[in-house]
Amino acid sequence: MSNVDPAMPVPPQSPGMSVGQILALIAAILLLFPGLCFAGFGVGFLADKAAGMPELGMLLGGIGLAIFAVVWLLFRVALRRRPMPDDNPSDMPR
């Protein structure tokens, strides 16, 4: 026999990650490397006075920051909490 009391309510389980959230997380992780490369080379070109290409450094740094903005958005999508389904049948998707 089981030691489970039938009168005890079962806590609702939170829904797992959706396929879209998993794909957003994978894309965000994959985009971290090119973002770091663009930002690193941009800082390198800005700091290197002998190369004399600060414009290229600004361009690469800007591209790196744009990639980081996309990564941030993808992480927000991937790590948001999905709403818990209620017991109300009118809220269920059809």
PDB file of N, CA and C in Angstrom:
ATOM      1  N   MET A   1       0.826  -1.184   0.000  1.00  0.00           N
ATOM      2  CA  MET A   1       0.000   0.000   0.000  1.00  0.00           C
ATOM      3  C   MET A   1       0.871   1.249   0.000  1.00  0.00           C
ATOM      4  N   SER A   2       0.317   2.299  -0.510  1.00  0.00           N
ATOM      5  CA  SER A   2       1.033   3.554  -0.615  1.00  0.00           C
ATOM      6  C   SER A   2       0.773   4.407   0.617  1.00  0.00           C
ATOM      7  N   ASN A   3       1.756   5.202   0.993  1.00  0.00           N
ATOM      8  CA  ASN A   3       1.624   6.087   2.153  1.00  0.00           C
ATOM      9  C   ASN A   3       1.123   7.471   1.750  1.00  0.00           C
ATOM     10  N   VAL A   4       0.574   7.605   0.578  1.00  0.00           N
ATOM     11  CA  VAL A   4       0.098   8.897   0.097  1.00  0.00           C
ATOM     12  C   VAL A   4      -1.307   9.133   0.625  1.00  0.00           C
ATOM     13  N   ASP A   5      -1.494  10.292   1.239  1.00  0.00           N
ATOM     14  CA  ASP A   5      -2.810  10.668   1.754  1.00  0.00           C
ATOM     15  C   ASP A   5      -3.637  11.229   0.599  1.00  0.00           C
ATOM     16  N   PRO A   6      -4.781  10.628   0.283  1.00  0.00           N
ATOM     17  CA  PRO A   6      -5.569  11.114  -0.855  1.00  0.00           C
ATOM     18  C   PRO A   6      -6.150  12.503  -0.635  1.00  0.00           C
ATOM     19  N   ALA A   7      -6.203  12.962   0.609  1.00  0.00           N
ATOM     20  CA  ALA A   7      -6.763  14.281   0.875  1.00  0.00           C
ATOM     21  C   ALA A   7      -5.745  15.393   0.616  1.00  0.00           C
ATOM     22  N   MET A   8      -4.458  15.048   0.539  1.00  0.00           N
ATOM     23  CA  MET A   8      -3.435  16.075   0.301  1.00  0.00           C
ATOM     24  C   MET A   8      -3.464  16.519  -1.162  1.00  0.00           C
ATOM     25  N   PRO A   9      -3.503  17.823  -1.385  1.00  0.00           N
ATOM     26  CA  PRO A   9      -3.513  18.292  -2.776  1.00  0.00           C
ATOM     27  C   PRO A   9      -2.140  18.104  -3.414  1.00  0.00           C
ATOM     28  N   VAL A  10      -2.150  17.815  -4.685  1.00  0.00           N
ATOM     29  CA  VAL A  10      -0.910  17.661  -5.437  1.00  0.00           C
ATOM     30  C   VAL A  10      -0.503  19.037  -5.951  1.00  0.00           C
ATOM     31  N   PRO A  11       0.735  19.473  -5.666  1.00  0.00           N
ATOM     32  CA  PRO A  11       1.139  20.786  -6.159  1.00  0.00           C
ATOM     33  C   PRO A  11       1.217  20.780  -7.679  1.00  0.00           C
ATOM     34  N   PRO A  12       0.781  21.867  -8.304  1.00  0.00           N
ATOM     35  CA  PRO A  12       0.833  21.912  -9.775  1.00  0.00           C
ATOM     36  C   PRO A  12       2.271  21.938 -10.248  1.00  0.00           C
ATOM     37  N   GLN A  13       2.539  21.228 -11.318  1.00  0.00           N
ATOM     38  CA  GLN A  13       3.876  21.219 -11.882  1.00  0.00           C
ATOM     39  C   GLN A  13       3.986  22.331 -12.912  1.00  0.00           C
ATOM     40  N   SER A  14       5.110  22.998 -12.877  1.00  0.00           N
ATOM     41  CA  SER A  14       5.303  24.080 -13.836  1.00  0.00           C
ATOM     42  C   SER A  14       5.583  23.475 -15.212  1.00  0.00           C
ATOM     43  N   PRO A  15       5.054  24.087 -16.244  1.00  0.00           N
ATOM     44  CA  PRO A  15       5.324  23.568 -17.583  1.00  0.00           C
ATOM     45  C   PRO A  15       6.801  23.749 -17.931  1.00  0.00           C
ATOM     46  N   GLY A  16       7.338  22.842 -18.694  1.00  0.00           N
ATOM     47  CA  GLY A  16       8.738  22.917 -19.094  1.00  0.00           C
ATOM     48  C   GLY A  16       8.948  23.965 -20.162  1.00  0.00           C
ATOM     49  N   MET A  17      10.126  23.980 -20.705  1.00  0.00           N
ATOM     50  CA  MET A  17      10.447  24.943 -21.757  1.00  0.00           C
ATOM     51  C   MET A  17       9.829  24.492 -23.070  1.00  0.00           C
ATOM     52  N   SER A  18       9.347  25.454 -23.827  1.00  0.00           N
ATOM     53  CA  SER A  18       8.791  25.132 -25.133  1.00  0.00           C
ATOM     54  C   SER A  18       9.938  24.974 -26.140  1.00  0.00           C
ATOM     55  N   VAL A  19       9.604  24.487 -27.307  1.00  0.00           N
ATOM     56  CA  VAL A  19      10.617  24.304 -28.356  1.00  0.00           C
ATOM     57  C   VAL A  19      11.195  25.655 -28.764  1.00  0.00           C
ATOM     58  N   GLY A  20      10.361  26.667 -28.840  1.00  0.00           N
ATOM     59  CA  GLY A  20      10.842  27.999 -29.191  1.00  0.00           C
ATOM     60  C   GLY A  20      11.807  28.558 -28.161  1.00  0.00           C
ATOM     61  N   GLN A  21      11.539  28.302 -26.877  1.00  0.00           N
ATOM     62  CA  GLN A  21      12.442  28.768 -25.841  1.00  0.00           C
ATOM     63  C   GLN A  21      13.790  28.039 -25.920  1.00  0.00           C
ATOM     64  N   ILE A  22      13.765  26.758 -26.206  1.00  0.00           N
ATOM     65  CA  ILE A  22      15.006  25.998 -26.321  1.00  0.00           C
ATOM     66  C   ILE A  22      15.817  26.490 -27.512  1.00  0.00           C
ATOM     67  N   LEU A  23      15.144  26.740 -28.638  1.00  0.00           N
ATOM     68  CA  LEU A  23      15.848  27.249 -29.820  1.00  0.00           C
ATOM     69  C   LEU A  23      16.418  28.641 -29.572  1.00  0.00           C
ATOM     70  N   ALA A  24      15.680  29.488 -28.851  1.00  0.00           N
ATOM     71  CA  ALA A  24      16.191  30.823 -28.528  1.00  0.00           C
ATOM     72  C   ALA A  24      17.413  30.734 -27.626  1.00  0.00           C
ATOM     73  N   LEU A  25      17.408  29.797 -26.683  1.00  0.00           N
ATOM     74  CA  LEU A  25      18.555  29.621 -25.799  1.00  0.00           C
ATOM     75  C   LEU A  25      19.777  29.138 -26.574  1.00  0.00           C
ATOM     76  N   ILE A  26      19.589  28.199 -27.471  1.00  0.00           N
ATOM     77  CA  ILE A  26      20.699  27.696 -28.284  1.00  0.00           C
ATOM     78  C   ILE A  26      21.248  28.808 -29.187  1.00  0.00           C
ATOM     79  N   ALA A  27      20.355  29.583 -29.807  1.00  0.00           N
ATOM     80  CA  ALA A  27      20.801  30.669 -30.687  1.00  0.00           C
ATOM     81  C   ALA A  27      21.563  31.732 -29.889  1.00  0.00           C
ATOM     82  N   ALA A  28      21.098  32.033 -28.679  1.00  0.00           N
ATOM     83  CA  ALA A  28      21.777  33.036 -27.857  1.00  0.00           C
ATOM     84  C   ALA A  28      23.177  32.569 -27.480  1.00  0.00           C
ATOM     85  N   ILE A  29      23.303  31.299 -27.116  1.00  0.00           N
ATOM     86  CA  ILE A  29      24.620  30.769 -26.751  1.00  0.00           C
ATOM     87  C   ILE A  29      25.548  30.775 -27.960  1.00  0.00           C
ATOM     88  N   LEU A  30      25.024  30.404 -29.125  1.00  0.00           N
ATOM     89  CA  LEU A  30      25.859  30.384 -30.327  1.00  0.00           C
ATOM     90  C   LEU A  30      26.281  31.792 -30.765  1.00  0.00           C
ATOM     91  N   LEU A  31      25.454  32.789 -30.509  1.00  0.00           N
ATOM     92  CA  LEU A  31      25.782  34.159 -30.915  1.00  0.00           C
ATOM     93  C   LEU A  31      26.731  34.857 -29.941  1.00  0.00           C
ATOM     94  N   LEU A  32      26.973  34.276 -28.785  1.00  0.00           N
ATOM     95  CA  LEU A  32      27.897  34.898 -27.850  1.00  0.00           C
ATOM     96  C   LEU A  32      29.316  34.967 -28.425  1.00  0.00           C
ATOM     97  N   PHE A  33      29.756  33.908 -29.108  1.00  0.00           N
ATOM     98  CA  PHE A  33      31.123  33.877 -29.635  1.00  0.00           C
ATOM     99  C   PHE A  33      31.365  34.954 -30.692  1.00  0.00           C
ATOM    100  N   PRO A  34      30.525  35.081 -31.729  1.00  0.00           N
ATOM    101  CA  PRO A  34      30.791  36.160 -32.692  1.00  0.00           C
ATOM    102  C   PRO A  34      30.662  37.547 -32.076  1.00  0.00           C
ATOM    103  N   GLY A  35      29.758  37.697 -31.105  1.00  0.00           N
ATOM    104  CA  GLY A  35      29.651  39.001 -30.440  1.00  0.00           C
ATOM    105  C   GLY A  35      30.915  39.361 -29.694  1.00  0.00           C
ATOM    106  N   LEU A  36      31.484  38.373 -28.996  1.00  0.00           N
ATOM    107  CA  LEU A  36      32.741  38.618 -28.292  1.00  0.00           C
ATOM    108  C   LEU A  36      33.880  38.908 -29.269  1.00  0.00           C
ATOM    109  N   CYS A  37      33.910  38.197 -30.386  1.00  0.00           N
ATOM    110  CA  CYS A  37      34.976  38.424 -31.382  1.00  0.00           C
ATOM    111  C   CYS A  37      34.880  39.832 -31.971  1.00  0.00           C
ATOM    112  N   PHE A  38      33.695  40.233 -32.388  1.00  0.00           N
ATOM    113  CA  PHE A  38      33.541  41.574 -32.963  1.00  0.00           C
ATOM    114  C   PHE A  38      33.888  42.649 -31.938  1.00  0.00           C
ATOM    115  N   ALA A  39      33.398  42.493 -30.709  1.00  0.00           N
ATOM    116  CA  ALA A  39      33.681  43.494 -29.684  1.00  0.00           C
ATOM    117  C   ALA A  39      35.171  43.509 -29.339  1.00  0.00           C
ATOM    118  N   GLY A  40      35.784  42.342 -29.242  1.00  0.00           N
ATOM    119  CA  GLY A  40      37.212  42.281 -28.917  1.00  0.00           C
ATOM    120  C   GLY A  40      38.080  42.899 -29.993  1.00  0.00           C
ATOM    121  N   PHE A  41      37.797  42.576 -31.251  1.00  0.00           N
ATOM    122  CA  PHE A  41      38.570  43.180 -32.336  1.00  0.00           C
ATOM    123  C   PHE A  41      38.312  44.679 -32.417  1.00  0.00           C
ATOM    124  N   GLY A  42      37.093  45.093 -32.133  1.00  0.00           N
ATOM    125  CA  GLY A  42      36.799  46.525 -32.143  1.00  0.00           C
ATOM    126  C   GLY A  42      37.598  47.265 -31.095  1.00  0.00           C
ATOM    127  N   VAL A  43      37.652  46.730 -29.892  1.00  0.00           N
ATOM    128  CA  VAL A  43      38.446  47.359 -28.835  1.00  0.00           C
ATOM    129  C   VAL A  43      39.927  47.321 -29.204  1.00  0.00           C
ATOM    130  N   GLY A  44      40.358  46.201 -29.799  1.00  0.00           N
ATOM    131  CA  GLY A  44      41.760  46.098 -30.215  1.00  0.00           C
ATOM    132  C   GLY A  44      42.141  47.141 -31.252  1.00  0.00           C
ATOM    133  N   PHE A  45      41.278  47.361 -32.244  1.00  0.00           N
ATOM    134  CA  PHE A  45      41.575  48.368 -33.264  1.00  0.00           C
ATOM    135  C   PHE A  45      41.494  49.780 -32.689  1.00  0.00           C
ATOM    136  N   LEU A  46      40.609  50.002 -31.732  1.00  0.00           N
ATOM    137  CA  LEU A  46      40.543  51.322 -31.107  1.00  0.00           C
ATOM    138  C   LEU A  46      41.790  51.603 -30.270  1.00  0.00           C
ATOM    139  N   ALA A  47      42.312  50.571 -29.602  1.00  0.00           N
ATOM    140  CA  ALA A  47      43.454  50.765 -28.709  1.00  0.00           C
ATOM    141  C   ALA A  47      44.779  50.799 -29.464  1.00  0.00           C
ATOM    142  N   ASP A  48      44.836  50.245 -30.657  1.00  0.00           N
ATOM    143  CA  ASP A  48      46.086  50.160 -31.406  1.00  0.00           C
ATOM    144  C   ASP A  48      46.288  51.456 -32.198  1.00  0.00           C
ATOM    145  N   LYS A  49      47.158  52.305 -31.684  1.00  0.00           N
ATOM    146  CA  LYS A  49      47.417  53.591 -32.355  1.00  0.00           C
ATOM    147  C   LYS A  49      48.234  53.411 -33.628  1.00  0.00           C
ATOM    148  N   ALA A  50      49.060  52.359 -33.674  1.00  0.00           N
ATOM    149  CA  ALA A  50      49.917  52.150 -34.841  1.00  0.00           C
ATOM    150  C   ALA A  50      49.110  51.739 -36.068  1.00  0.00           C
ATOM    151  N   ALA A  51      48.008  51.027 -35.876  1.00  0.00           N
ATOM    152  CA  ALA A  51      47.200  50.582 -37.014  1.00  0.00           C
ATOM    153  C   ALA A  51      46.511  51.768 -37.673  1.00  0.00           C
ATOM    154  N   GLY A  52      46.113  52.749 -36.883  1.00  0.00           N
ATOM    155  CA  GLY A  52      45.497  53.946 -37.430  1.00  0.00           C
ATOM    156  C   GLY A  52      44.140  53.706 -38.057  1.00  0.00           C
ATOM    157  N   MET A  53      43.374  52.768 -37.506  1.00  0.00           N
ATOM    158  CA  MET A  53      42.041  52.483 -38.053  1.00  0.00           C
ATOM    159  C   MET A  53      40.979  52.560 -36.956  1.00  0.00           C
ATOM    160  N   PRO A  54      40.792  53.739 -36.367  1.00  0.00           N
ATOM    161  CA  PRO A  54      39.761  53.815 -35.321  1.00  0.00           C
ATOM    162  C   PRO A  54      38.346  53.652 -35.880  1.00  0.00           C
ATOM    163  N   GLU A  55      38.152  54.007 -37.157  1.00  0.00           N
ATOM    164  CA  GLU A  55      36.823  53.849 -37.753  1.00  0.00           C
ATOM    165  C   GLU A  55      36.430  52.378 -37.804  1.00  0.00           C
ATOM    166  N   LEU A  56      37.401  51.538 -38.161  1.00  0.00           N
ATOM    167  CA  LEU A  56      37.132  50.100 -38.202  1.00  0.00           C
ATOM    168  C   LEU A  56      36.836  49.571 -36.802  1.00  0.00           C
ATOM    169  N   GLY A  57      37.552  50.090 -35.826  1.00  0.00           N
ATOM    170  CA  GLY A  57      37.295  49.689 -34.445  1.00  0.00           C
ATOM    171  C   GLY A  57      35.899  50.068 -33.988  1.00  0.00           C
ATOM    172  N   MET A  58      35.457  51.261 -34.364  1.00  0.00           N
ATOM    173  CA  MET A  58      34.093  51.694 -34.007  1.00  0.00           C
ATOM    174  C   MET A  58      33.047  50.824 -34.698  1.00  0.00           C
ATOM    175  N   LEU A  59      33.308  50.492 -35.962  1.00  0.00           N
ATOM    176  CA  LEU A  59      32.363  49.656 -36.708  1.00  0.00           C
ATOM    177  C   LEU A  59      32.267  48.260 -36.092  1.00  0.00           C
ATOM    178  N   LEU A  60      33.427  47.652 -35.827  1.00  0.00           N
ATOM    179  CA  LEU A  60      33.412  46.311 -35.252  1.00  0.00           C
ATOM    180  C   LEU A  60      32.805  46.305 -33.852  1.00  0.00           C
ATOM    181  N   GLY A  61      33.111  47.326 -33.063  1.00  0.00           N
ATOM    182  CA  GLY A  61      32.516  47.425 -31.729  1.00  0.00           C
ATOM    183  C   GLY A  61      31.008  47.607 -31.791  1.00  0.00           C
ATOM    184  N   GLY A  62      30.541  48.388 -32.742  1.00  0.00           N
ATOM    185  CA  GLY A  62      29.095  48.572 -32.906  1.00  0.00           C
ATOM    186  C   GLY A  62      28.388  47.294 -33.324  1.00  0.00           C
ATOM    187  N   ILE A  63      29.021  46.551 -34.227  1.00  0.00           N
ATOM    188  CA  ILE A  63      28.446  45.259 -34.638  1.00  0.00           C
ATOM    189  C   ILE A  63      28.409  44.307 -33.449  1.00  0.00           C
ATOM    190  N   GLY A  64      29.487  44.302 -32.654  1.00  0.00           N
ATOM    191  CA  GLY A  64      29.513  43.459 -31.459  1.00  0.00           C
ATOM    192  C   GLY A  64      28.408  43.824 -30.481  1.00  0.00           C
ATOM    193  N   LEU A  65      28.185  45.120 -30.276  1.00  0.00           N
ATOM    194  CA  LEU A  65      27.110  45.545 -29.371  1.00  0.00           C
ATOM    195  C   LEU A  65      25.736  45.178 -29.923  1.00  0.00           C
ATOM    196  N   ALA A  66      25.559  45.272 -31.242  1.00  0.00           N
ATOM    197  CA  ALA A  66      24.279  44.876 -31.841  1.00  0.00           C
ATOM    198  C   ALA A  66      24.032  43.376 -31.649  1.00  0.00           C
ATOM    199  N   ILE A  67      25.081  42.575 -31.799  1.00  0.00           N
ATOM    200  CA  ILE A  67      24.930  41.127 -31.581  1.00  0.00           C
ATOM    201  C   ILE A  67      24.597  40.850 -30.125  1.00  0.00           C
ATOM    202  N   PHE A  68      25.246  41.583 -29.193  1.00  0.00           N
ATOM    203  CA  PHE A  68      24.931  41.391 -27.775  1.00  0.00           C
ATOM    204  C   PHE A  68      23.486  41.791 -27.459  1.00  0.00           C
ATOM    205  N   ALA A  69      22.953  42.787 -28.146  1.00  0.00           N
ATOM    206  CA  ALA A  69      21.553  43.160 -27.936  1.00  0.00           C
ATOM    207  C   ALA A  69      20.624  42.027 -28.374  1.00  0.00           C
ATOM    208  N   VAL A  70      20.937  41.398 -29.500  1.00  0.00           N
ATOM    209  CA  VAL A  70      20.137  40.262 -29.966  1.00  0.00           C
ATOM    210  C   VAL A  70      20.257  39.093 -28.988  1.00  0.00           C
ATOM    211  N   VAL A  71      21.473  38.861 -28.476  1.00  0.00           N
ATOM    212  CA  VAL A  71      21.686  37.781 -27.501  1.00  0.00           C
ATOM    213  C   VAL A  71      20.861  38.047 -26.250  1.00  0.00           C
ATOM    214  N   TRP A  72      20.842  39.293 -25.794  1.00  0.00           N
ATOM    215  CA  TRP A  72      20.070  39.647 -24.600  1.00  0.00           C
ATOM    216  C   TRP A  72      18.577  39.377 -24.818  1.00  0.00           C
ATOM    217  N   LEU A  73      18.071  39.769 -25.982  1.00  0.00           N
ATOM    218  CA  LEU A  73      16.658  39.513 -26.282  1.00  0.00           C
ATOM    219  C   LEU A  73      16.352  38.016 -26.341  1.00  0.00           C
ATOM    220  N   LEU A  74      17.256  37.244 -26.938  1.00  0.00           N
ATOM    221  CA  LEU A  74      17.042  35.801 -27.029  1.00  0.00           C
ATOM    222  C   LEU A  74      17.072  35.153 -25.650  1.00  0.00           C
ATOM    223  N   PHE A  75      17.970  35.602 -24.784  1.00  0.00           N
ATOM    224  CA  PHE A  75      17.983  35.069 -23.416  1.00  0.00           C
ATOM    225  C   PHE A  75      16.705  35.437 -22.670  1.00  0.00           C
ATOM    226  N   ARG A  76      16.175  36.644 -22.898  1.00  0.00           N
ATOM    227  CA  ARG A  76      14.918  37.032 -22.246  1.00  0.00           C
ATOM    228  C   ARG A  76      13.775  36.129 -22.701  1.00  0.00           C
ATOM    229  N   VAL A  77      13.731  35.827 -23.997  1.00  0.00           N
ATOM    230  CA  VAL A  77      12.690  34.943 -24.526  1.00  0.00           C
ATOM    231  C   VAL A  77      12.860  33.535 -23.978  1.00  0.00           C
ATOM    232  N   ALA A  78      14.105  33.070 -23.929  1.00  0.00           N
ATOM    233  CA  ALA A  78      14.361  31.693 -23.524  1.00  0.00           C
ATOM    234  C   ALA A  78      14.105  31.464 -22.038  1.00  0.00           C
ATOM    235  N   LEU A  79      14.347  32.453 -21.217  1.00  0.00           N
ATOM    236  CA  LEU A  79      14.281  32.235 -19.774  1.00  0.00           C
ATOM    237  C   LEU A  79      13.026  32.807 -19.118  1.00  0.00           C
ATOM    238  N   ARG A  80      12.074  33.252 -19.906  1.00  0.00           N
ATOM    239  CA  ARG A  80      10.832  33.753 -19.304  1.00  0.00           C
ATOM    240  C   ARG A  80      10.016  32.574 -18.786  1.00  0.00           C
ATOM    241  N   ARG A  81       9.209  32.847 -17.814  1.00  0.00           N
ATOM    242  CA  ARG A  81       8.367  31.806 -17.230  1.00  0.00           C
ATOM    243  C   ARG A  81       7.066  31.705 -18.012  1.00  0.00           C
ATOM    244  N   ARG A  82       6.693  30.471 -18.283  1.00  0.00           N
ATOM    245  CA  ARG A  82       5.413  30.255 -18.949  1.00  0.00           C
ATOM    246  C   ARG A  82       4.318  30.268 -17.890  1.00  0.00           C
ATOM    247  N   PRO A  83       3.132  30.767 -18.226  1.00  0.00           N
ATOM    248  CA  PRO A  83       2.057  30.822 -17.236  1.00  0.00           C
ATOM    249  C   PRO A  83       1.579  29.422 -16.870  1.00  0.00           C
ATOM    250  N   MET A  84       1.211  29.278 -15.605  1.00  0.00           N
ATOM    251  CA  MET A  84       0.690  28.006 -15.116  1.00  0.00           C
ATOM    252  C   MET A  84      -0.744  27.832 -15.633  1.00  0.00           C
ATOM    253  N   PRO A  85      -1.073  26.655 -16.131  1.00  0.00           N
ATOM    254  CA  PRO A  85      -2.453  26.443 -16.572  1.00  0.00           C
ATOM    255  C   PRO A  85      -3.382  26.327 -15.369  1.00  0.00           C
ATOM    256  N   ASP A  86      -4.509  27.005 -15.440  1.00  0.00           N
ATOM    257  CA  ASP A  86      -5.511  26.921 -14.379  1.00  0.00           C
ATOM    258  C   ASP A  86      -6.379  25.695 -14.588  1.00  0.00           C
ATOM    259  N   ASP A  87      -7.161  25.393 -13.587  1.00  0.00           N
ATOM    260  CA  ASP A  87      -8.114  24.297 -13.709  1.00  0.00           C
ATOM    261  C   ASP A  87      -9.375  24.736 -14.435  1.00  0.00           C
ATOM    262  N   ASN A  88      -9.439  26.003 -14.802  1.00  0.00           N
ATOM    263  CA  ASN A  88     -10.617  26.538 -15.464  1.00  0.00           C
ATOM    264  C   ASN A  88     -10.610  26.082 -16.926  1.00  0.00           C
ATOM    265  N   PRO A  89     -11.599  25.295 -17.351  1.00  0.00           N
ATOM    266  CA  PRO A  89     -11.599  24.813 -18.731  1.00  0.00           C
ATOM    267  C   PRO A  89     -11.784  25.903 -19.781  1.00  0.00           C
ATOM    268  N   SER A  90     -12.299  27.068 -19.383  1.00  0.00           N
ATOM    269  CA  SER A  90     -12.495  28.125 -20.369  1.00  0.00           C
ATOM    270  C   SER A  90     -11.160  28.742 -20.795  1.00  0.00           C
ATOM    271  N   ASP A  91     -10.108  28.577 -19.975  1.00  0.00           N
ATOM    272  CA  ASP A  91      -8.786  29.113 -20.310  1.00  0.00           C
ATOM    273  C   ASP A  91      -7.960  28.167 -21.159  1.00  0.00           C
ATOM    274  N   MET A  92      -8.412  26.961 -21.364  1.00  0.00           N
ATOM    275  CA  MET A  92      -7.648  25.980 -22.101  1.00  0.00           C
ATOM    276  C   MET A  92      -7.626  26.314 -23.596  1.00  0.00           C
ATOM    277  N   PRO A  93      -6.506  26.092 -24.250  1.00  0.00           N
ATOM    278  CA  PRO A  93      -6.473  26.335 -25.700  1.00  0.00           C
ATOM    279  C   PRO A  93      -7.341  25.329 -26.442  1.00  0.00           C
ATOM    280  N   ARG A  94      -7.849  25.763 -27.563  1.00  0.00           N
ATOM    281  CA  ARG A  94      -8.748  24.880 -28.339  1.00  0.00           C
ATOM    282  C   ARG A  94      -8.042  24.316 -29.508  1.00  0.00           C
TER     283      ARG A  94
END
